[in-house]
């Protein structure tokens, strides 16, 4: 599998829970392609238009919650394009795995 294919397909598997080894490798390549930066991952995963968080399953929501927490810890704030989702996470008490 070429590096370009691994980087682009990993984006589509990032929010899925059960992955094969090849899919996990593609997700790792995708994450590395954005410098292992949670903000870069979110920018690549979040469509510019017509995106509804209601279409995500529980695992995907937890993945986003984890990314948002990492972004907030690293940069000190949540970017505008994620604030609506962050407020929904806070409203419903959804937290990344491991948080209490």
PDB file of N, CA and C in Angstrom:
ATOM      1  N   UNK A   1       0.857  -1.170   0.000  1.00  0.00           N
ATOM      2  CA  UNK A   1       0.000   0.000   0.000  1.00  0.00           C
ATOM      3  C   UNK A   1       0.902   1.233   0.000  1.00  0.00           C
ATOM      4  N   UNK A   2       0.623   2.174  -0.891  1.00  0.00           N
ATOM      5  CA  UNK A   2       1.453   3.366  -0.950  1.00  0.00           C
ATOM      6  C   UNK A   2       1.181   4.261   0.254  1.00  0.00           C
ATOM      7  N   UNK A   3       2.145   5.129   0.558  1.00  0.00           N
ATOM      8  CA  UNK A   3       2.007   6.008   1.724  1.00  0.00           C
ATOM      9  C   UNK A   3       0.806   6.946   1.567  1.00  0.00           C
ATOM     10  N   UNK A   4       0.577   7.448   0.339  1.00  0.00           N
ATOM     11  CA  UNK A   4      -0.569   8.343   0.115  1.00  0.00           C
ATOM     12  C   UNK A   4      -1.881   7.635   0.413  1.00  0.00           C
ATOM     13  N   UNK A   5      -2.031   6.424  -0.071  1.00  0.00           N
ATOM     14  CA  UNK A   5      -3.255   5.671   0.160  1.00  0.00           C
ATOM     15  C   UNK A   5      -3.436   5.404   1.642  1.00  0.00           C
ATOM     16  N   UNK A   6      -2.355   5.021   2.332  1.00  0.00           N
ATOM     17  CA  UNK A   6      -2.440   4.766   3.777  1.00  0.00           C
ATOM     18  C   UNK A   6      -2.866   6.022   4.528  1.00  0.00           C
ATOM     19  N   UNK A   7      -2.295   7.178   4.163  1.00  0.00           N
ATOM     20  CA  UNK A   7      -2.622   8.421   4.859  1.00  0.00           C
ATOM     21  C   UNK A   7      -4.064   8.834   4.639  1.00  0.00           C
ATOM     22  N   UNK A   8      -4.566   8.672   3.416  1.00  0.00           N
ATOM     23  CA  UNK A   8      -5.928   9.135   3.142  1.00  0.00           C
ATOM     24  C   UNK A   8      -6.973   8.145   3.635  1.00  0.00           C
ATOM     25  N   UNK A   9      -6.708   6.858   3.557  1.00  0.00           N
ATOM     26  CA  UNK A   9      -7.706   5.897   4.016  1.00  0.00           C
ATOM     27  C   UNK A   9      -7.760   5.837   5.539  1.00  0.00           C
ATOM     28  N   UNK A  10      -6.654   6.098   6.201  1.00  0.00           N
ATOM     29  CA  UNK A  10      -6.653   6.108   7.662  1.00  0.00           C
ATOM     30  C   UNK A  10      -7.618   7.127   8.222  1.00  0.00           C
ATOM     31  N   UNK A  11      -7.818   8.209   7.486  1.00  0.00           N
ATOM     32  CA  UNK A  11      -8.772   9.236   7.893  1.00  0.00           C
ATOM     33  C   UNK A  11     -10.175   8.642   8.026  1.00  0.00           C
ATOM     34  N   UNK A  12     -10.536   7.769   7.131  1.00  0.00           N
ATOM     35  CA  UNK A  12     -11.887   7.206   7.137  1.00  0.00           C
ATOM     36  C   UNK A  12     -12.072   6.143   8.215  1.00  0.00           C
ATOM     37  N   UNK A  13     -10.992   5.546   8.674  1.00  0.00           N
ATOM     38  CA  UNK A  13     -11.086   4.502   9.689  1.00  0.00           C
ATOM     39  C   UNK A  13     -10.842   5.024  11.096  1.00  0.00           C
ATOM     40  N   UNK A  14     -10.423   6.280  11.236  1.00  0.00           N
ATOM     41  CA  UNK A  14     -10.038   6.831  12.530  1.00  0.00           C
ATOM     42  C   UNK A  14     -11.150   6.717  13.567  1.00  0.00           C
ATOM     43  N   UNK A  15     -12.383   6.897  13.156  1.00  0.00           N
ATOM     44  CA  UNK A  15     -13.514   6.912  14.091  1.00  0.00           C
ATOM     45  C   UNK A  15     -14.199   5.555  14.234  1.00  0.00           C
ATOM     46  N   UNK A  16     -13.610   4.515  13.658  1.00  0.00           N
ATOM     47  CA  UNK A  16     -14.192   3.179  13.752  1.00  0.00           C
ATOM     48  C   UNK A  16     -13.512   2.383  14.852  1.00  0.00           C
ATOM     49  N   UNK A  17     -14.282   1.569  15.543  1.00  0.00           N
ATOM     50  CA  UNK A  17     -13.776   0.874  16.724  1.00  0.00           C
ATOM     51  C   UNK A  17     -12.987  -0.390  16.399  1.00  0.00           C
ATOM     52  N   UNK A  18     -13.506  -1.240  15.561  1.00  0.00           N
ATOM     53  CA  UNK A  18     -12.873  -2.538  15.311  1.00  0.00           C
ATOM     54  C   UNK A  18     -12.131  -2.501  13.982  1.00  0.00           C
ATOM     55  N   UNK A  19     -10.800  -2.510  14.056  1.00  0.00           N
ATOM     56  CA  UNK A  19      -9.979  -2.376  12.865  1.00  0.00           C
ATOM     57  C   UNK A  19      -9.048  -3.569  12.706  1.00  0.00           C
ATOM     58  N   UNK A  20      -8.737  -3.884  11.457  1.00  0.00           N
ATOM     59  CA  UNK A  20      -7.721  -4.889  11.174  1.00  0.00           C
ATOM     60  C   UNK A  20      -6.354  -4.253  11.395  1.00  0.00           C
ATOM     61  N   UNK A  21      -5.311  -5.063  11.363  1.00  0.00           N
ATOM     62  CA  UNK A  21      -3.957  -4.519  11.520  1.00  0.00           C
ATOM     63  C   UNK A  21      -3.622  -3.536  10.407  1.00  0.00           C
ATOM     64  N   UNK A  22      -4.045  -3.838   9.190  1.00  0.00           N
ATOM     65  CA  UNK A  22      -3.780  -2.942   8.063  1.00  0.00           C
ATOM     66  C   UNK A  22      -4.500  -1.611   8.251  1.00  0.00           C
ATOM     67  N   UNK A  23      -5.727  -1.657   8.738  1.00  0.00           N
ATOM     68  CA  UNK A  23      -6.479  -0.425   8.985  1.00  0.00           C
ATOM     69  C   UNK A  23      -5.851   0.376  10.119  1.00  0.00           C
ATOM     70  N   UNK A  24      -5.378  -0.307  11.169  1.00  0.00           N
ATOM     71  CA  UNK A  24      -4.692   0.378  12.265  1.00  0.00           C
ATOM     72  C   UNK A  24      -3.417   1.053  11.769  1.00  0.00           C
ATOM     73  N   UNK A  25      -2.700   0.389  10.875  1.00  0.00           N
ATOM     74  CA  UNK A  25      -1.484   0.976  10.300  1.00  0.00           C
ATOM     75  C   UNK A  25      -1.832   2.209   9.473  1.00  0.00           C
ATOM     76  N   UNK A  26      -2.948   2.154   8.750  1.00  0.00           N
ATOM     77  CA  UNK A  26      -3.380   3.301   7.962  1.00  0.00           C
ATOM     78  C   UNK A  26      -3.767   4.468   8.867  1.00  0.00           C
ATOM     79  N   UNK A  27      -4.435   4.182   9.972  1.00  0.00           N
ATOM     80  CA  UNK A  27      -4.804   5.231  10.931  1.00  0.00           C
ATOM     81  C   UNK A  27      -3.534   5.857  11.523  1.00  0.00           C
ATOM     82  N   UNK A  28      -2.559   5.036  11.861  1.00  0.00           N
ATOM     83  CA  UNK A  28      -1.288   5.550  12.401  1.00  0.00           C
ATOM     84  C   UNK A  28      -0.584   6.432  11.366  1.00  0.00           C
ATOM     85  N   UNK A  29      -0.594   6.011  10.112  1.00  0.00           N
ATOM     86  CA  UNK A  29       0.029   6.801   9.045  1.00  0.00           C
ATOM     87  C   UNK A  29      -0.700   8.134   8.861  1.00  0.00           C
ATOM     88  N   UNK A  30      -2.027   8.089   8.926  1.00  0.00           N
ATOM     89  CA  UNK A  30      -2.819   9.322   8.825  1.00  0.00           C
ATOM     90  C   UNK A  30      -2.467  10.270   9.969  1.00  0.00           C
ATOM     91  N   UNK A  31      -2.429   9.746  11.184  1.00  0.00           N
ATOM     92  CA  UNK A  31      -2.115  10.568  12.350  1.00  0.00           C
ATOM     93  C   UNK A  31      -0.722  11.180  12.216  1.00  0.00           C
ATOM     94  N   UNK A  32       0.239  10.400  11.758  1.00  0.00           N
ATOM     95  CA  UNK A  32       1.590  10.916  11.548  1.00  0.00           C
ATOM     96  C   UNK A  32       1.624  11.959  10.441  1.00  0.00           C
ATOM     97  N   UNK A  33       0.752  11.811   9.439  1.00  0.00           N
ATOM     98  CA  UNK A  33       0.755  12.761   8.317  1.00  0.00           C
ATOM     99  C   UNK A  33       0.334  14.158   8.740  1.00  0.00           C
ATOM    100  N   UNK A  34      -0.350  14.278   9.870  1.00  0.00           N
ATOM    101  CA  UNK A  34      -0.732  15.587  10.400  1.00  0.00           C
ATOM    102  C   UNK A  34       0.117  15.947  11.618  1.00  0.00           C
ATOM    103  N   UNK A  35       1.265  15.318  11.730  1.00  0.00           N
ATOM    104  CA  UNK A  35       2.213  15.639  12.785  1.00  0.00           C
ATOM    105  C   UNK A  35       1.797  15.177  14.165  1.00  0.00           C
ATOM    106  N   UNK A  36       0.979  14.119  14.238  1.00  0.00           N
ATOM    107  CA  UNK A  36       0.471  13.612  15.513  1.00  0.00           C
ATOM    108  C   UNK A  36      -0.218  14.703  16.328  1.00  0.00           C
ATOM    109  N   UNK A  37      -0.780  15.675  15.641  1.00  0.00           N
ATOM    110  CA  UNK A  37      -1.430  16.811  16.287  1.00  0.00           C
ATOM    111  C   UNK A  37      -2.945  16.570  16.336  1.00  0.00           C
ATOM    112  N   UNK A  38      -3.554  16.614  17.528  1.00  0.00           N
ATOM    113  CA  UNK A  38      -4.998  16.388  17.615  1.00  0.00           C
ATOM    114  C   UNK A  38      -5.815  17.416  16.833  1.00  0.00           C
ATOM    115  N   UNK A  39      -5.318  18.646  16.744  1.00  0.00           N
ATOM    116  CA  UNK A  39      -6.024  19.675  15.977  1.00  0.00           C
ATOM    117  C   UNK A  39      -5.978  19.337  14.482  1.00  0.00           C
ATOM    118  N   UNK A  40      -4.829  18.879  14.011  1.00  0.00           N
ATOM    119  CA  UNK A  40      -4.716  18.471  12.606  1.00  0.00           C
ATOM    120  C   UNK A  40      -5.643  17.317  12.284  1.00  0.00           C
ATOM    121  N   UNK A  41      -5.743  16.363  13.206  1.00  0.00           N
ATOM    122  CA  UNK A  41      -6.647  15.223  13.015  1.00  0.00           C
ATOM    123  C   UNK A  41      -8.085  15.726  12.922  1.00  0.00           C
ATOM    124  N   UNK A  42      -8.500  16.588  13.846  1.00  0.00           N
ATOM    125  CA  UNK A  42      -9.871  17.112  13.835  1.00  0.00           C
ATOM    126  C   UNK A  42     -10.167  17.897  12.562  1.00  0.00           C
ATOM    127  N   UNK A  43      -9.209  18.686  12.121  1.00  0.00           N
ATOM    128  CA  UNK A  43      -9.432  19.459  10.889  1.00  0.00           C
ATOM    129  C   UNK A  43      -9.646  18.545   9.695  1.00  0.00           C
ATOM    130  N   UNK A  44      -8.894  17.461   9.636  1.00  0.00           N
ATOM    131  CA  UNK A  44      -9.048  16.522   8.520  1.00  0.00           C
ATOM    132  C   UNK A  44     -10.329  15.699   8.636  1.00  0.00           C
ATOM    133  N   UNK A  45     -10.757  15.391   9.861  1.00  0.00           N
ATOM    134  CA  UNK A  45     -11.936  14.547  10.059  1.00  0.00           C
ATOM    135  C   UNK A  45     -13.253  15.299   9.934  1.00  0.00           C
ATOM    136  N   UNK A  46     -13.243  16.581  10.252  1.00  0.00           N
ATOM    137  CA  UNK A  46     -14.485  17.344  10.326  1.00  0.00           C
ATOM    138  C   UNK A  46     -14.764  18.029   8.995  1.00  0.00           C
ATOM    139  N   UNK A  47     -15.832  17.614   8.306  1.00  0.00           N
ATOM    140  CA  UNK A  47     -16.182  18.263   7.036  1.00  0.00           C
ATOM    141  C   UNK A  47     -16.535  19.735   7.252  1.00  0.00           C
ATOM    142  N   UNK A  48     -16.323  20.524   6.222  1.00  0.00           N
ATOM    143  CA  UNK A  48     -16.599  21.964   6.299  1.00  0.00           C
ATOM    144  C   UNK A  48     -18.094  22.262   6.317  1.00  0.00           C
ATOM    145  N   UNK A  49     -18.884  21.458   5.598  1.00  0.00           N
ATOM    146  CA  UNK A  49     -20.311  21.745   5.480  1.00  0.00           C
ATOM    147  C   UNK A  49     -21.132  20.495   5.759  1.00  0.00           C
ATOM    148  N   UNK A  50     -22.339  20.697   6.173  1.00  0.00           N
ATOM    149  CA  UNK A  50     -23.329  19.625   6.316  1.00  0.00           C
ATOM    150  C   UNK A  50     -22.853  18.484   7.210  1.00  0.00           C
ATOM    151  N   UNK A  51     -22.224  18.820   8.308  1.00  0.00           N
ATOM    152  CA  UNK A  51     -21.753  17.797   9.235  1.00  0.00           C
ATOM    153  C   UNK A  51     -22.641  17.791  10.455  1.00  0.00           C
ATOM    154  N   UNK A  52     -23.155  16.629  10.793  1.00  0.00           N
ATOM    155  CA  UNK A  52     -23.996  16.503  11.973  1.00  0.00           C
ATOM    156  C   UNK A  52     -23.362  15.496  12.925  1.00  0.00           C
ATOM    157  N   UNK A  53     -23.117  15.936  14.128  1.00  0.00           N
ATOM    158  CA  UNK A  53     -22.554  15.031  15.120  1.00  0.00           C
ATOM    159  C   UNK A  53     -23.544  13.942  15.514  1.00  0.00           C
ATOM    160  N   UNK A  54     -24.797  14.150  15.200  1.00  0.00           N
ATOM    161  CA  UNK A  54     -25.829  13.157  15.519  1.00  0.00           C
ATOM    162  C   UNK A  54     -25.646  11.871  14.715  1.00  0.00           C
ATOM    163  N   UNK A  55     -24.868  11.916  13.657  1.00  0.00           N
ATOM    164  CA  UNK A  55     -24.657  10.725  12.831  1.00  0.00           C
ATOM    165  C   UNK A  55     -23.540   9.837  13.371  1.00  0.00           C
ATOM    166  N   UNK A  56     -22.825  10.302  14.403  1.00  0.00           N
ATOM    167  CA  UNK A  56     -21.698   9.543  14.955  1.00  0.00           C
ATOM    168  C   UNK A  56     -22.181   8.517  15.969  1.00  0.00           C
ATOM    169  N   UNK A  57     -21.502   7.379  16.009  1.00  0.00           N
ATOM    170  CA  UNK A  57     -21.822   6.400  17.053  1.00  0.00           C
ATOM    171  C   UNK A  57     -21.053   6.761  18.331  1.00  0.00           C
ATOM    172  N   UNK A  58     -21.310   6.014  19.390  1.00  0.00           N
ATOM    173  CA  UNK A  58     -20.739   6.339  20.698  1.00  0.00           C
ATOM    174  C   UNK A  58     -19.206   6.325  20.682  1.00  0.00           C
ATOM    175  N   UNK A  59     -18.619   5.332  20.017  1.00  0.00           N
ATOM    176  CA  UNK A  59     -17.155   5.250  19.958  1.00  0.00           C
ATOM    177  C   UNK A  59     -16.578   6.476  19.243  1.00  0.00           C
ATOM    178  N   UNK A  60     -17.184   6.871  18.132  1.00  0.00           N
ATOM    179  CA  UNK A  60     -16.695   8.032  17.387  1.00  0.00           C
ATOM    180  C   UNK A  60     -16.813   9.309  18.221  1.00  0.00           C
ATOM    181  N   UNK A  61     -17.905   9.427  18.966  1.00  0.00           N
ATOM    182  CA  UNK A  61     -18.067  10.590  19.841  1.00  0.00           C
ATOM    183  C   UNK A  61     -16.970  10.604  20.902  1.00  0.00           C
ATOM    184  N   UNK A  62     -16.659   9.445  21.448  1.00  0.00           N
ATOM    185  CA  UNK A  62     -15.587   9.378  22.445  1.00  0.00           C
ATOM    186  C   UNK A  62     -14.231   9.712  21.827  1.00  0.00           C
ATOM    187  N   UNK A  63     -14.012   9.303  20.593  1.00  0.00           N
ATOM    188  CA  UNK A  63     -12.760   9.652  19.906  1.00  0.00           C
ATOM    189  C   UNK A  63     -12.659  11.173  19.764  1.00  0.00           C
ATOM    190  N   UNK A  64     -13.751  11.811  19.335  1.00  0.00           N
ATOM    191  CA  UNK A  64     -13.768  13.272  19.226  1.00  0.00           C
ATOM    192  C   UNK A  64     -13.553  13.925  20.588  1.00  0.00           C
ATOM    193  N   UNK A  65     -14.208  13.415  21.626  1.00  0.00           N
ATOM    194  CA  UNK A  65     -14.051  13.978  22.971  1.00  0.00           C
ATOM    195  C   UNK A  65     -12.587  13.915  23.404  1.00  0.00           C
ATOM    196  N   UNK A  66     -11.938  12.806  23.122  1.00  0.00           N
ATOM    197  CA  UNK A  66     -10.529  12.650  23.445  1.00  0.00           C
ATOM    198  C   UNK A  66      -9.685  13.662  22.677  1.00  0.00           C
ATOM    199  N   UNK A  67      -9.952  13.819  21.385  1.00  0.00           N
ATOM    200  CA  UNK A  67      -9.211  14.796  20.582  1.00  0.00           C
ATOM    201  C   UNK A  67      -9.425  16.216  21.102  1.00  0.00           C
ATOM    202  N   UNK A  68     -10.654  16.553  21.429  1.00  0.00           N
ATOM    203  CA  UNK A  68     -10.953  17.906  21.921  1.00  0.00           C
ATOM    204  C   UNK A  68     -10.248  18.161  23.249  1.00  0.00           C
ATOM    205  N   UNK A  69     -10.231  17.181  24.135  1.00  0.00           N
ATOM    206  CA  UNK A  69      -9.506  17.336  25.400  1.00  0.00           C
ATOM    207  C   UNK A  69      -8.011  17.528  25.159  1.00  0.00           C
ATOM    208  N   UNK A  70      -7.459  16.778  24.226  1.00  0.00           N
ATOM    209  CA  UNK A  70      -6.028  16.916  23.905  1.00  0.00           C
ATOM    210  C   UNK A  70      -5.733  18.280  23.286  1.00  0.00           C
ATOM    211  N   UNK A  71      -6.639  18.762  22.441  1.00  0.00           N
ATOM    212  CA  UNK A  71      -6.465  20.092  21.842  1.00  0.00           C
ATOM    213  C   UNK A  71      -6.488  21.161  22.922  1.00  0.00           C
ATOM    214  N   UNK A  72      -7.475  21.072  23.805  1.00  0.00           N
ATOM    215  CA  UNK A  72      -7.603  22.061  24.883  1.00  0.00           C
ATOM    216  C   UNK A  72      -6.382  22.041  25.796  1.00  0.00           C
ATOM    217  N   UNK A  73      -5.868  20.862  26.097  1.00  0.00           N
ATOM    218  CA  UNK A  73      -4.688  20.754  26.951  1.00  0.00           C
ATOM    219  C   UNK A  73      -3.447  21.326  26.252  1.00  0.00           C
ATOM    220  N   UNK A  74      -3.349  21.090  24.965  1.00  0.00           N
ATOM    221  CA  UNK A  74      -2.149  21.514  24.227  1.00  0.00           C
ATOM    222  C   UNK A  74      -2.169  23.001  23.881  1.00  0.00           C
ATOM    223  N   UNK A  75      -3.339  23.521  23.476  1.00  0.00           N
ATOM    224  CA  UNK A  75      -3.408  24.889  22.973  1.00  0.00           C
ATOM    225  C   UNK A  75      -4.102  25.859  23.924  1.00  0.00           C
ATOM    226  N   UNK A  76      -4.753  25.342  24.966  1.00  0.00           N
ATOM    227  CA  UNK A  76      -5.385  26.202  25.955  1.00  0.00           C
ATOM    228  C   UNK A  76      -6.789  26.661  25.604  1.00  0.00           C
ATOM    229  N   UNK A  77      -7.310  26.235  24.474  1.00  0.00           N
ATOM    230  CA  UNK A  77      -8.679  26.586  24.093  1.00  0.00           C
ATOM    231  C   UNK A  77      -9.178  25.601  23.038  1.00  0.00           C
ATOM    232  N   UNK A  78     -10.467  25.660  22.781  1.00  0.00           N
ATOM    233  CA  UNK A  78     -11.091  24.828  21.744  1.00  0.00           C
ATOM    234  C   UNK A  78     -11.351  25.720  20.537  1.00  0.00           C
ATOM    235  N   UNK A  79     -10.910  25.318  19.351  1.00  0.00           N
ATOM    236  CA  UNK A  79     -11.139  26.147  18.162  1.00  0.00           C
ATOM    237  C   UNK A  79     -12.632  26.319  17.860  1.00  0.00           C
ATOM    238  N   UNK A  80     -12.961  27.392  17.174  1.00  0.00           N
ATOM    239  CA  UNK A  80     -14.353  27.728  16.887  1.00  0.00           C
ATOM    240  C   UNK A  80     -15.116  26.594  16.220  1.00  0.00           C
ATOM    241  N   UNK A  81     -14.491  25.870  15.294  1.00  0.00           N
ATOM    242  CA  UNK A  81     -15.234  24.853  14.559  1.00  0.00           C
ATOM    243  C   UNK A  81     -15.602  23.653  15.434  1.00  0.00           C
ATOM    244  N   UNK A  82     -15.063  23.574  16.640  1.00  0.00           N
ATOM    245  CA  UNK A  82     -15.386  22.477  17.556  1.00  0.00           C
ATOM    246  C   UNK A  82     -16.168  22.917  18.792  1.00  0.00           C
ATOM    247  N   UNK A  83     -16.419  24.212  18.936  1.00  0.00           N
ATOM    248  CA  UNK A  83     -17.066  24.681  20.165  1.00  0.00           C
ATOM    249  C   UNK A  83     -18.498  24.164  20.318  1.00  0.00           C
ATOM    250  N   UNK A  84     -19.247  24.078  19.228  1.00  0.00           N
ATOM    251  CA  UNK A  84     -20.621  23.576  19.329  1.00  0.00           C
ATOM    252  C   UNK A  84     -20.625  22.123  19.792  1.00  0.00           C
ATOM    253  N   UNK A  85     -19.725  21.330  19.231  1.00  0.00           N
ATOM    254  CA  UNK A  85     -19.649  19.926  19.627  1.00  0.00           C
ATOM    255  C   UNK A  85     -19.190  19.806  21.069  1.00  0.00           C
ATOM    256  N   UNK A  86     -18.221  20.611  21.472  1.00  0.00           N
ATOM    257  CA  UNK A  86     -17.727  20.597  22.852  1.00  0.00           C
ATOM    258  C   UNK A  86     -18.857  20.939  23.818  1.00  0.00           C
ATOM    259  N   UNK A  87     -19.682  21.910  23.469  1.00  0.00           N
ATOM    260  CA  UNK A  87     -20.787  22.277  24.363  1.00  0.00           C
ATOM    261  C   UNK A  87     -21.796  21.132  24.469  1.00  0.00           C
ATOM    262  N   UNK A  88     -22.014  20.383  23.388  1.00  0.00           N
ATOM    263  CA  UNK A  88     -22.892  19.221  23.442  1.00  0.00           C
ATOM    264  C   UNK A  88     -22.289  18.131  24.324  1.00  0.00           C
ATOM    265  N   UNK A  89     -20.998  17.912  24.211  1.00  0.00           N
ATOM    266  CA  UNK A  89     -20.329  16.929  25.066  1.00  0.00           C
ATOM    267  C   UNK A  89     -20.481  17.306  26.531  1.00  0.00           C
ATOM    268  N   UNK A  90     -20.276  18.588  26.820  1.00  0.00           N
ATOM    269  CA  UNK A  90     -20.405  19.062  28.201  1.00  0.00           C
ATOM    270  C   UNK A  90     -21.851  18.955  28.697  1.00  0.00           C
ATOM    271  N   UNK A  91     -22.796  19.304  27.829  1.00  0.00           N
ATOM    272  CA  UNK A  91     -24.209  19.281  28.198  1.00  0.00           C
ATOM    273  C   UNK A  91     -24.675  17.877  28.580  1.00  0.00           C
ATOM    274  N   UNK A  92     -24.226  16.896  27.836  1.00  0.00           N
ATOM    275  CA  UNK A  92     -24.665  15.524  28.070  1.00  0.00           C
ATOM    276  C   UNK A  92     -23.681  14.720  28.915  1.00  0.00           C
ATOM    277  N   UNK A  93     -22.614  15.375  29.380  1.00  0.00           N
ATOM    278  CA  UNK A  93     -21.673  14.720  30.280  1.00  0.00           C
ATOM    279  C   UNK A  93     -20.836  13.653  29.620  1.00  0.00           C
ATOM    280  N   UNK A  94     -20.626  13.755  28.320  1.00  0.00           N
ATOM    281  CA  UNK A  94     -19.791  12.766  27.644  1.00  0.00           C
ATOM    282  C   UNK A  94     -18.329  13.127  27.817  1.00  0.00           C
ATOM    283  N   UNK A  95     -17.560  12.149  28.220  1.00  0.00           N
ATOM    284  CA  UNK A  95     -16.135  12.361  28.469  1.00  0.00           C
ATOM    285  C   UNK A  95     -15.362  11.259  27.769  1.00  0.00           C
ATOM    286  N   UNK A  96     -14.092  11.530  27.460  1.00  0.00           N
ATOM    287  CA  UNK A  96     -13.285  10.486  26.865  1.00  0.00           C
ATOM    288  C   UNK A  96     -13.078   9.333  27.842  1.00  0.00           C
ATOM    289  N   UNK A  97     -12.757   8.153  27.340  1.00  0.00           N
ATOM    290  CA  UNK A  97     -12.501   7.011  28.238  1.00  0.00           C
ATOM    291  C   UNK A  97     -11.414   7.347  29.243  1.00  0.00           C
ATOM    292  N   UNK A  98     -11.614   6.935  30.482  1.00  0.00           N
ATOM    293  CA  UNK A  98     -10.610   7.162  31.518  1.00  0.00           C
ATOM    294  C   UNK A  98     -10.873   8.380  32.363  1.00  0.00           C
ATOM    295  N   UNK A  99     -11.686   9.335  31.867  1.00  0.00           N
ATOM    296  CA  UNK A  99     -12.020  10.526  32.660  1.00  0.00           C
ATOM    297  C   UNK A  99     -13.100  10.176  33.666  1.00  0.00           C
ATOM    298  N   UNK A 100     -13.091  10.881  34.776  1.00  0.00           N
ATOM    299  CA  UNK A 100     -14.125  10.647  35.791  1.00  0.00           C
ATOM    300  C   UNK A 100     -15.006  11.852  35.925  1.00  0.00           C
TER     301      UNK A 100
END
